[in-house]
Amino acid sequence: MAGLYVDTSALGRVLLAEPDAAVIIDVIERYETAWSSELLEVELRRVAFREGIENGVEELLADVSLVALDAEGLRRAAAIPPSEVRTLDAIHLQAAVELHKEGTIEAALTFDHQLHAGCTHHDLRLAAISQPG
């Protein structure tokens, strides 16, 4: 099974020990590799800093392969449809779409509605989260 793209809305829930954290980890572990943009590191570290839980970030990031933020990728993110996708979500979307085109990932995991819509727009399958009970 190919990889899974995870964004901050998913791993942030794990970092914050939200009630669905175990389910999210279970979904991620079904895939060969978890992937994200380097933006994930910035966003997770900011959440951890704000919440005073910096220790948990290293462990989460150790299990994610990060795509470099570079000038070309940022240019593509600036123009990626749909236009309603916000700036940071567009960076995640561009990285996920490129990884999907390469065959590196087969699905994305997000709790963000705009990124969800962007993935759907680009025919990128979303990983299913089944809540217990």
Protein backbone atom coordinates (compact mmCIF):
# COMPACT_ATOMS: atom_id res chain seq x y z
CA MET A 1 0.00 0.00 0.00
CA ALA A 2 1.34 3.43 -0.91
CA GLY A 3 1.67 6.36 1.46
CA LEU A 4 -0.77 8.72 3.11
CA TYR A 5 -0.61 12.51 3.17
CA VAL A 6 -1.36 13.94 6.62
CA ASP A 7 -1.90 17.59 7.38
CA THR A 8 -1.77 19.54 10.61
CA SER A 9 -5.50 19.23 11.27
CA ALA A 10 -4.93 15.47 11.63
CA LEU A 11 -1.57 15.28 13.43
CA GLY A 12 -2.42 18.29 15.56
CA ARG A 13 -5.29 16.28 17.01
CA VAL A 14 -2.80 13.54 17.93
CA LEU A 15 -0.39 16.06 19.46
CA LEU A 16 -3.22 17.56 21.53
CA ALA A 17 -4.40 14.09 22.61
CA GLU A 18 -7.91 14.70 21.24
CA PRO A 19 -10.42 11.85 21.79
CA ASP A 20 -9.93 10.59 18.21
CA ALA A 21 -6.11 10.51 18.39
CA ALA A 22 -5.91 6.70 18.62
CA VAL A 23 -8.19 6.32 15.60
CA ILE A 24 -6.04 8.75 13.60
CA ILE A 25 -2.87 6.84 14.49
CA ASP A 26 -4.58 3.59 13.48
CA VAL A 27 -5.44 5.04 10.06
CA ILE A 28 -1.91 6.37 9.53
CA GLU A 29 -0.39 2.99 10.43
CA ARG A 30 -2.37 1.28 7.64
CA TYR A 31 -0.11 2.97 5.08
CA GLU A 32 3.54 2.36 4.21
CA THR A 33 4.61 5.93 4.92
CA ALA A 34 3.05 9.11 6.23
CA TRP A 35 3.92 12.17 4.12
CA SER A 36 3.43 15.90 4.53
CA SER A 37 4.87 19.26 3.57
CA GLU A 38 7.58 20.86 5.71
CA LEU A 39 4.79 23.26 6.59
CA LEU A 40 3.56 20.55 8.97
CA GLU A 41 6.68 20.93 11.09
CA VAL A 42 6.19 24.69 11.44
CA GLU A 43 2.50 24.34 12.24
CA LEU A 44 2.95 21.49 14.75
CA ARG A 45 5.79 23.28 16.51
CA ARG A 46 3.65 26.43 16.80
CA VAL A 47 0.75 24.44 18.29
CA ALA A 48 3.12 22.71 20.71
CA PHE A 49 4.75 26.01 21.69
CA ARG A 50 1.37 27.66 22.27
CA GLU A 51 0.13 24.71 24.36
CA GLY A 52 3.42 24.11 26.22
CA ILE A 53 3.81 20.54 24.91
CA GLU A 54 6.98 20.77 22.82
CA ASN A 55 8.16 17.30 23.84
CA GLY A 56 5.53 15.48 21.78
CA VAL A 57 6.45 17.07 18.46
CA GLU A 58 9.72 15.21 17.81
CA GLU A 59 8.08 11.80 18.14
CA LEU A 60 5.28 12.71 15.74
CA LEU A 61 7.61 14.25 13.16
CA ALA A 62 10.00 11.28 13.30
CA ASP A 63 7.33 9.15 11.64
CA VAL A 64 6.53 11.55 8.78
CA SER A 65 8.46 12.03 5.54
CA LEU A 66 8.47 15.75 4.75
CA VAL A 67 8.41 17.34 1.29
CA ALA A 68 10.66 20.39 1.08
CA LEU A 69 9.14 23.83 0.80
CA ASP A 70 10.81 25.40 -2.20
CA ALA A 71 10.15 28.36 -4.47
CA GLU A 72 8.68 26.27 -7.29
CA GLY A 73 6.31 24.42 -4.98
CA LEU A 74 5.17 27.69 -3.44
CA ARG A 75 4.50 29.13 -6.91
CA ARG A 76 2.41 26.08 -7.80
CA ALA A 77 0.55 26.36 -4.48
CA ALA A 78 -0.29 30.00 -5.25
CA ALA A 79 -2.15 28.93 -8.39
CA ILE A 80 -3.61 25.54 -7.45
CA PRO A 81 -7.39 25.27 -7.83
CA PRO A 82 -9.89 25.58 -6.34
CA SER A 83 -9.41 29.26 -5.55
CA GLU A 84 -11.35 28.98 -2.27
CA VAL A 85 -8.53 26.98 -0.64
CA ARG A 86 -6.73 29.18 1.89
CA THR A 87 -3.01 29.90 1.65
CA LEU A 88 -1.56 27.32 4.05
CA ASP A 89 -4.04 24.69 2.93
CA ALA A 90 -2.95 25.38 -0.67
CA ILE A 91 0.63 24.53 0.29
CA HIS A 92 -0.54 21.21 1.77
CA LEU A 93 -2.80 20.59 -1.24
CA GLN A 94 -0.02 21.24 -3.75
CA ALA A 95 2.32 18.85 -1.94
CA ALA A 96 -0.37 16.16 -1.71
CA VAL A 97 -1.33 16.50 -5.38
CA GLU A 98 2.31 16.22 -6.49
CA LEU A 99 2.90 13.15 -4.31
CA HIS A 100 -0.28 11.59 -5.68
CA LYS A 101 0.78 12.26 -9.30
CA GLU A 102 4.11 10.55 -8.55
CA GLY A 103 2.30 7.53 -7.07
CA THR A 104 3.89 8.13 -3.67
CA ILE A 105 0.59 8.51 -1.84
CA GLU A 106 -2.83 7.05 -2.47
CA ALA A 107 -4.88 9.10 -0.02
CA ALA A 108 -4.90 12.13 2.26
CA LEU A 109 -6.02 12.54 5.85
CA THR A 110 -7.39 15.92 6.88
CA PHE A 111 -10.05 17.39 9.10
CA ASP A 112 -9.93 20.73 7.27
CA HIS A 113 -12.99 21.35 5.10
CA GLN A 114 -11.19 23.44 2.48
CA LEU A 115 -8.32 20.98 2.10
CA HIS A 116 -10.91 18.19 1.92
CA ALA A 117 -12.64 20.04 -0.94
CA GLY A 118 -9.30 20.62 -2.67
CA CYS A 119 -8.41 16.93 -2.50
CA THR A 120 -11.82 16.03 -3.91
CA HIS A 121 -11.34 18.58 -6.70
CA HIS A 122 -8.07 16.84 -7.67
CA ASP A 123 -9.50 13.31 -7.36
CA LEU A 124 -7.28 12.55 -4.38
CA ARG A 125 -9.00 9.95 -2.20
CA LEU A 126 -9.50 10.81 1.45
CA ALA A 127 -8.68 8.23 4.09
CA ALA A 128 -11.73 7.09 5.98
CA ILE A 129 -11.93 7.64 9.70
CA SER A 130 -14.34 5.31 11.42
CA GLN A 131 -15.25 6.48 14.89
CA PRO A 132 -15.91 3.82 17.52
CA GLY A 133 -19.42 3.34 18.82
